[in-house]
Protein backbone atom coordinates (compact mmCIF):
# COMPACT_ATOMS: atom_id res chain seq x y z
CA MET A 1 19.02 165.86 -9.22
CA ALA A 2 19.89 166.59 -12.85
CA GLN A 3 18.89 163.94 -15.38
CA ASP A 4 20.48 163.40 -18.77
CA TRP A 5 17.92 162.58 -21.45
CA ASP A 6 19.21 160.56 -24.37
CA ILE A 7 15.93 159.19 -25.70
CA LYS A 8 16.37 157.49 -29.05
CA PRO A 9 14.09 158.40 -31.96
CA ARG A 10 11.38 156.01 -33.14
CA GLY A 11 12.75 152.83 -34.65
CA GLU A 12 12.08 151.64 -38.18
CA GLY A 13 10.53 148.41 -36.95
CA CYS A 14 8.95 146.55 -34.06
CA SER A 15 11.10 145.86 -31.00
CA GLY A 16 9.07 142.70 -30.40
CA CYS A 17 8.88 140.85 -33.73
CA GLN A 18 11.57 142.83 -35.60
CA THR A 19 9.18 143.44 -38.54
CA PRO A 20 9.74 146.80 -40.31
CA PHE A 21 6.87 149.25 -39.93
CA ALA A 22 4.73 149.83 -43.03
CA ASP A 23 3.63 153.28 -44.21
CA GLU A 24 0.63 154.53 -42.19
CA GLN A 25 0.88 151.66 -39.70
CA ASN A 26 -0.06 152.33 -36.07
CA TYR A 27 2.79 151.82 -33.61
CA PHE A 28 3.09 152.02 -29.84
CA SER A 29 6.07 153.36 -27.93
CA ALA A 30 7.06 152.81 -24.33
CA LEU A 31 9.71 154.52 -22.26
CA VAL A 32 11.07 152.50 -19.34
CA PHE A 33 13.68 153.35 -16.74
CA ASP A 34 16.31 150.74 -15.89
CA THR A 35 19.80 150.70 -14.42
CA ASP A 36 21.24 152.30 -17.59
CA GLY A 37 18.66 155.10 -17.68
CA TYR A 38 15.67 155.61 -19.96
CA LYS A 39 15.16 153.21 -22.86
CA ARG A 40 12.60 153.45 -25.65
CA ALA A 41 10.95 150.50 -27.40
CA ASP A 42 8.52 150.67 -30.34
CA TYR A 43 5.96 147.96 -31.10
CA CYS A 44 3.51 147.00 -33.82
CA GLU A 45 -0.09 146.71 -32.68
CA LYS A 46 -0.01 142.91 -32.55
CA CYS A 47 3.06 142.81 -30.29
CA TRP A 48 1.79 145.67 -28.12
CA LEU A 49 -1.51 143.88 -27.48
CA ALA A 50 0.30 140.58 -26.83
CA LYS A 51 2.72 142.17 -24.33
CA ASP A 52 2.01 140.74 -20.92
CA ASP A 53 5.23 141.72 -19.14
CA GLU A 54 3.76 143.67 -16.25
CA THR A 55 6.96 143.42 -14.18
CA VAL A 56 8.31 146.60 -15.80
CA LEU A 57 5.72 149.33 -16.07
CA PRO A 58 6.54 152.08 -18.58
CA TYR A 59 7.37 155.55 -17.35
CA SER A 60 5.51 156.84 -20.39
CA MET A 61 3.77 155.34 -23.42
CA TRP A 62 2.15 156.72 -26.55
CA GLN A 63 0.74 155.76 -29.93
CA GLY A 64 1.63 157.15 -33.34
CA VAL A 65 1.34 156.51 -37.06
CA PHE A 66 4.47 155.51 -38.96
CA ARG A 67 5.01 157.53 -42.12
CA LEU A 68 7.68 156.76 -44.68
CA PRO A 69 9.86 159.75 -45.52
CA PRO A 70 8.88 161.56 -48.74
């Protein structure tokens, strides 16, 4: 079965608390599959560690460092 991938790029802020990411801040990303396809969410460390929603396990997750554009 062919799958269309329309994964959005990293957001400018946390999907949990809506706070913009600061330069050189760690962030965590999760990719989940739902009825509309794959969705990406990015979180600050505090929201990532506080996440306790185990009903939807991510298909993939990773950590990065936010860098402001030059």
